[in-house]
Protein backbone atom coordinates (compact mmCIF):
# COMPACT_ATOMS: atom_id res chain seq x y z
CA MET A 1 92.31 127.05 119.84
CA ILE A 2 88.97 125.96 118.50
CA PHE A 3 87.57 127.51 115.34
CA GLY A 4 83.81 127.84 115.16
CA HIS A 5 82.73 125.09 117.58
CA LEU A 6 82.48 124.85 121.35
CA LEU A 7 84.80 121.94 122.01
CA PRO A 8 87.18 121.13 124.87
CA CYS A 9 90.32 123.30 124.85
CA LEU A 10 93.73 121.90 125.59
CA PRO A 11 95.90 123.33 128.40
CA PRO A 12 96.93 126.07 128.87
CA LEU A 13 93.91 127.40 126.97
CA THR A 14 90.56 128.07 128.59
CA CYS A 15 87.15 128.36 126.97
CA GLN A 16 84.37 130.83 127.45
CA LYS A 17 80.90 129.29 127.40
CA LYS A 18 79.28 132.37 125.87
CA ASN A 19 81.91 132.68 123.16
CA PRO A 20 83.29 129.45 121.68
CA LEU A 21 86.82 130.77 121.33
CA CYS A 22 89.88 130.06 123.39
CA ARG A 23 91.58 132.88 125.17
CA ARG A 24 95.10 133.36 126.46
CA PRO A 25 95.72 132.89 130.17
CA THR A 26 98.00 135.51 131.73
CA GLY A 27 101.68 134.92 131.07
CA THR A 28 101.42 132.56 128.11
CA MET A 29 101.42 132.94 124.33
CA PRO A 30 102.67 136.54 124.29
CA SER A 31 100.85 139.00 122.08
CA MET A 32 102.30 142.16 120.56
CA PRO A 33 101.43 145.71 121.63
CA ASP A 34 98.57 147.28 119.71
CA GLY A 35 99.67 148.57 116.32
CA GLN A 36 102.88 146.55 116.21
CA SER A 37 103.21 144.08 113.34
CA THR A 38 104.49 140.56 113.90
CA PRO A 39 104.25 139.06 110.42
CA ASP A 40 105.01 135.41 111.14
CA CYS A 41 106.75 132.87 113.34
CA GLN A 42 110.16 133.74 111.91
CA ASP A 43 109.76 137.24 113.28
CA ILE A 44 108.89 135.75 116.66
CA ALA A 45 112.04 133.59 116.54
CA ASN A 46 114.09 136.62 115.49
CA LYS A 47 112.83 138.43 118.58
CA GLY A 48 114.25 135.69 120.82
CA ALA A 49 111.67 132.91 121.07
CA THR A 50 113.34 129.48 121.18
CA THR A 51 110.43 127.21 122.08
CA SER A 52 107.82 125.84 119.69
CA GLY A 53 104.26 126.59 120.71
CA LEU A 54 101.30 128.94 120.32
CA TYR A 55 101.97 132.60 119.57
CA TYR A 56 100.01 135.56 118.28
CA VAL A 57 101.00 137.10 114.93
CA LYS A 58 99.72 140.15 113.09
CA PRO A 59 100.78 140.28 109.42
CA LEU A 60 100.65 143.51 107.46
CA ASN A 61 97.03 144.41 106.58
CA ALA A 62 95.61 142.08 109.26
CA LYS A 63 92.91 143.87 111.23
CA GLU A 64 93.80 141.99 114.39
CA GLN A 65 96.33 139.49 115.65
CA PHE A 66 95.56 135.78 115.53
CA LEU A 67 96.91 132.62 117.08
CA VAL A 68 99.27 130.26 115.22
CA TYR A 69 101.47 127.31 116.03
CA CYS A 70 105.15 128.23 115.62
CA GLU A 71 107.68 125.48 115.06
CA ILE A 72 111.03 126.90 116.17
CA ASP A 73 114.13 124.75 115.64
CA SER A 74 117.70 124.80 116.94
CA PHE A 75 118.87 126.91 113.98
CA GLY A 76 116.49 129.72 114.92
CA ARG A 77 114.06 128.98 112.10
CA GLY A 78 110.46 129.86 112.80
CA PHE A 79 107.95 127.90 110.70
CA THR A 80 104.31 128.99 110.75
CA VAL A 81 102.16 125.84 110.54
CA ILE A 82 99.05 126.19 108.37
CA GLN A 83 97.79 122.58 108.22
CA ARG A 84 98.19 119.45 110.32
CA ARG A 85 96.87 115.89 109.88
CA GLN A 86 97.84 113.10 112.22
CA ASP A 87 95.01 110.85 113.37
CA GLY A 88 91.78 111.58 111.50
CA SER A 89 90.18 113.23 114.52
CA VAL A 90 89.01 116.26 112.48
CA ASP A 91 86.70 116.00 109.47
CA PHE A 92 88.16 118.08 106.62
CA ASN A 93 84.98 117.97 104.53
CA LYS A 94 84.00 121.56 105.37
CA ASP A 95 82.25 124.40 103.58
CA TRP A 96 83.72 127.59 102.12
CA THR A 97 83.29 129.70 105.25
CA GLN A 98 84.91 127.10 107.49
CA TYR A 99 87.92 126.84 105.20
CA LYS A 100 88.11 130.63 105.05
CA ASN A 101 88.10 131.08 108.83
CA GLY A 102 89.85 127.86 109.84
CA PHE A 103 88.75 124.83 111.81
CA GLY A 104 90.05 122.14 114.11
CA TYR A 105 92.34 122.66 117.09
CA LEU A 106 95.58 124.48 117.78
CA SER A 107 97.42 122.90 120.69
CA PRO A 108 100.62 123.89 122.54
CA GLY A 109 102.04 120.41 121.93
CA ASP A 110 101.28 120.35 118.18
CA ASN A 111 99.38 117.10 118.61
CA THR A 112 96.04 118.07 117.07
CA GLU A 113 94.61 118.53 113.58
CA PHE A 114 93.64 121.85 112.02
CA TRP A 115 93.37 124.10 108.98
CA LEU A 116 94.55 127.59 109.92
CA GLY A 117 92.18 129.34 107.52
CA ASN A 118 92.52 130.64 103.97
CA GLU A 119 92.11 134.27 104.99
CA LYS A 120 94.95 133.97 107.49
CA ILE A 121 97.15 132.10 105.00
CA HIS A 122 96.49 134.88 102.49
CA LEU A 123 97.54 137.53 104.99
CA LEU A 124 100.67 135.56 105.92
CA THR A 125 101.84 135.10 102.34
CA ALA A 126 100.45 137.83 100.09
CA THR A 127 101.40 140.89 102.14
CA THR A 128 105.10 140.15 102.60
CA THR A 129 107.89 141.45 100.36
CA ILE A 130 110.11 138.48 101.21
CA PRO A 131 109.56 135.27 99.18
CA THR A 132 107.82 132.57 101.21
CA VAL A 133 108.66 128.87 101.07
CA LEU A 134 105.87 126.34 101.60
CA ARG A 135 107.23 123.18 103.18
CA ILE A 136 105.12 120.02 102.98
CA GLU A 137 106.09 117.17 105.30
CA LEU A 138 104.62 113.71 104.86
CA VAL A 139 104.66 110.49 106.90
CA ASP A 140 103.37 107.15 105.62
CA TRP A 141 102.00 104.21 107.60
CA GLU A 142 105.39 102.48 107.56
CA GLY A 143 106.99 105.40 109.36
CA ASN A 144 108.84 106.80 106.34
CA LYS A 145 109.13 110.59 106.06
CA LYS A 146 109.50 112.81 103.01
CA TYR A 147 109.16 116.48 102.21
CA ALA A 148 108.68 118.97 99.36
CA ASP A 149 109.44 122.69 99.25
CA TYR A 150 107.82 125.34 97.02
CA ASN A 151 109.31 128.81 96.69
CA MET A 152 107.39 132.08 96.23
CA PHE A 153 104.22 130.52 97.67
CA LYS A 154 101.21 132.81 97.93
CA LEU A 155 97.49 132.55 98.50
CA GLY A 156 95.30 135.13 96.78
CA SER A 157 92.44 136.99 98.41
CA GLU A 158 88.88 135.74 98.72
CA ALA A 159 88.00 137.91 95.71
CA ASP A 160 90.34 135.66 93.71
CA MET A 161 88.98 132.55 95.46
CA PHE A 162 92.17 132.05 97.50
CA ARG A 163 94.15 131.12 94.41
CA LEU A 164 97.34 129.09 95.02
CA THR A 165 100.48 130.27 93.22
CA TYR A 166 104.16 129.46 93.60
CA GLY A 167 107.29 130.20 91.61
CA TYR A 168 108.92 126.80 91.43
CA TYR A 169 109.53 123.49 93.15
CA PHE A 170 112.42 124.17 95.51
CA GLY A 171 113.39 120.58 96.27
CA GLY A 172 112.72 117.65 98.55
CA ASP A 173 112.49 113.88 98.31
CA ALA A 174 108.68 113.55 98.07
CA GLY A 175 108.58 114.67 94.43
CA ASP A 176 106.67 117.53 92.83
CA ALA A 177 103.02 116.45 93.02
CA PHE A 178 101.80 120.06 92.86
CA ASP A 179 102.99 120.15 89.23
CA GLY A 180 100.58 117.35 88.27
CA PHE A 181 101.10 113.71 87.39
CA ASP A 182 100.71 111.43 84.39
CA PHE A 183 98.38 108.71 85.65
CA GLY A 184 98.27 107.07 82.22
CA ASP A 185 94.53 107.64 81.93
CA ASP A 186 94.73 110.48 79.40
CA PRO A 187 97.51 112.44 77.62
CA SER A 188 96.38 115.59 79.43
CA ASP A 189 96.59 114.05 82.93
CA LYS A 190 99.58 116.09 84.07
CA PHE A 191 98.15 119.38 82.85
CA TYR A 192 94.77 118.81 84.46
CA THR A 193 96.16 117.66 87.81
CA SER A 194 98.58 120.56 88.29
CA HIS A 195 97.70 122.78 91.26
CA ASN A 196 99.72 125.93 90.53
CA GLY A 197 97.32 128.77 89.71
CA MET A 198 94.21 126.91 90.89
CA GLN A 199 91.48 128.57 92.91
CA PHE A 200 90.23 126.97 96.10
CA SER A 201 87.10 124.81 95.90
CA THR A 202 84.70 123.39 98.47
CA PHE A 203 81.54 121.35 98.06
CA ASP A 204 79.47 124.55 98.22
CA LYS A 205 81.73 126.74 96.04
CA ASP A 206 83.02 124.97 92.93
CA ASN A 207 85.99 126.75 91.30
CA ASP A 208 87.68 123.79 89.62
CA LYS A 209 88.20 123.02 85.91
CA TYR A 210 86.01 119.91 85.97
CA ASP A 211 82.43 119.64 84.69
CA GLY A 212 81.48 118.11 88.03
CA ASN A 213 82.50 119.17 91.53
CA CYS A 214 85.89 117.78 92.58
CA ALA A 215 85.59 118.98 96.17
CA GLN A 216 82.23 117.27 96.59
CA GLN A 217 83.43 114.04 94.99
CA ASP A 218 86.73 113.94 96.88
CA GLY A 219 85.36 115.12 100.20
CA SER A 220 87.48 118.15 101.04
CA GLY A 221 88.35 121.72 100.23
CA TRP A 222 91.48 122.05 98.08
CA TRP A 223 93.02 123.76 95.07
CA MET A 224 91.32 121.44 92.62
CA ASN A 225 92.04 121.29 88.91
CA ARG A 226 90.34 118.29 87.28
CA CYS A 227 90.96 117.08 90.00
CA HIS A 228 94.37 116.53 91.75
CA ALA A 229 97.76 114.88 92.07
CA ALA A 230 98.16 116.15 95.62
CA HIS A 231 95.29 116.12 98.10
CA LEU A 232 96.39 116.67 101.70
CA ASN A 233 92.92 117.51 103.04
CA GLY A 234 91.47 114.20 101.87
CA LYS A 235 89.71 111.46 103.79
CA TYR A 236 91.72 109.76 106.53
CA TYR A 237 92.07 106.02 105.87
CA LEU A 238 93.51 103.91 108.67
CA GLY A 239 96.35 101.77 107.38
CA GLY A 240 96.80 103.83 104.23
CA ARG A 241 95.61 101.56 101.45
CA TYR A 242 92.04 101.88 100.18
CA THR A 243 90.00 101.00 97.10
CA GLU A 244 87.36 102.56 94.83
CA LYS A 245 84.75 100.71 96.89
CA ASP A 246 86.13 102.23 100.10
CA ALA A 247 85.87 105.68 98.50
CA GLY A 248 82.08 105.49 98.61
CA GLU A 249 79.45 106.79 96.21
CA PHE A 250 81.78 108.38 93.67
CA GLY A 251 84.64 105.87 93.90
CA TYR A 252 87.32 108.50 93.29
CA ASP A 253 90.77 108.73 94.87
CA ASN A 254 89.74 110.80 97.88
CA GLY A 255 92.47 109.92 100.38
CA ILE A 256 95.37 112.01 101.69
CA ILE A 257 97.42 111.77 98.51
CA TRP A 258 100.87 112.75 97.24
CA VAL A 259 101.19 110.68 94.07
CA THR A 260 104.85 111.38 93.34
CA TRP A 261 105.58 109.31 96.45
CA HIS A 262 102.72 106.81 96.93
CA ASN A 263 100.02 106.07 94.36
CA ARG A 264 96.52 107.53 94.53
CA TRP A 265 95.14 104.52 96.41
CA TYR A 266 97.44 105.10 99.38
CA SER A 267 96.35 107.62 102.01
CA LEU A 268 99.13 109.11 104.13
CA LYS A 269 99.24 108.96 107.91
CA GLU A 270 100.52 112.44 108.77
CA THR A 271 100.93 115.72 106.93
CA THR A 272 102.18 119.17 107.84
CA MET A 273 102.04 122.31 105.72
CA LYS A 274 104.13 125.18 107.03
CA ILE A 275 105.70 128.38 105.73
CA ILE A 276 108.94 130.28 106.30
CA PRO A 277 110.80 133.15 104.58
CA LEU A 278 113.16 131.96 101.85
CA SER A 279 116.08 133.68 103.56
CA ARG A 280 115.78 131.28 106.51
CA ILE A 281 115.14 127.93 104.84
CA THR A 282 118.88 127.14 104.55
CA ALA A 283 119.84 128.34 108.02
CA GLY A 284 122.48 126.16 109.59
CA GLY A 285 124.07 125.47 106.23
CA GLN A 286 121.45 123.04 104.98
CA GLN A 287 117.98 122.87 103.54
CA ALA A 288 116.29 120.98 106.36
CA GLY A 289 114.81 117.70 105.19
CA ALA A 290 113.20 114.55 106.53
CA LYS A 291 115.62 114.15 109.42
CA GLN A 292 114.80 117.66 110.62
CA PHE A 293 111.07 117.08 111.09
CA ALA A 294 109.71 118.59 114.26
CA GLY A 295 106.38 117.66 115.80
CA LEU A 296 105.83 114.66 113.51
CA GLY A 297 105.57 111.79 115.95
CA VAL A 298 105.42 108.40 114.26
């Protein structure tokens, strides 16, 4: 799936030259009958799907179905993937409209980079009555893997600038970077780097708490405060470690950052953001962690 640009599609998708969108060949990526709601990948797994791949979903209030990557594991859990970084092949320094609609590629093998789109994430999380868990999976350049879970995750509407909210940190071994971090620069560091309750910002729509423009300085759209302790849409740095000089004109920490694991001058190799109903996160008698990663080739 390609969002907004005419680029090569990956099998089994085909492209239409007149319309730069990928379409579904007959017999693959089943869609639901008109009018029937399929809220997320967990619903698809509940209906019998056992294979990870591309599926159509139609959350409540969605005007039409849309394509997502579903990660379905051996316990019958169906994670809906909303963000993927793995090789730096997609530039995440995009404008408001691109972040709203989504960009990058969706591939059947989950081996491409993308942002699903804030409008779709809003529909997936804000229209359900079941609490949603956001799982964040991280891989560093040494091959280590860690994760963090956030319960009651929601994204507000565009009228509220796609505001990020969650109830509480649900666990994991990556630490709670979304709650902010004390860098030692100022007593208010932790407060001003917390992401809970922040509106989404891009270089062309500044909704942060900073006098400047965090998204412009750090080169990506994100739920900026003043500015961040977590920054998974940041610049991709090969090898991980970078400096203020590497960061360019502004010299700020603009990498792919999760500071409760690695410091702000270490940019991660791979990230995945995915969601699942709370009722399914402990399926199989455990809260799946680093050893349960799927689709994170190192």
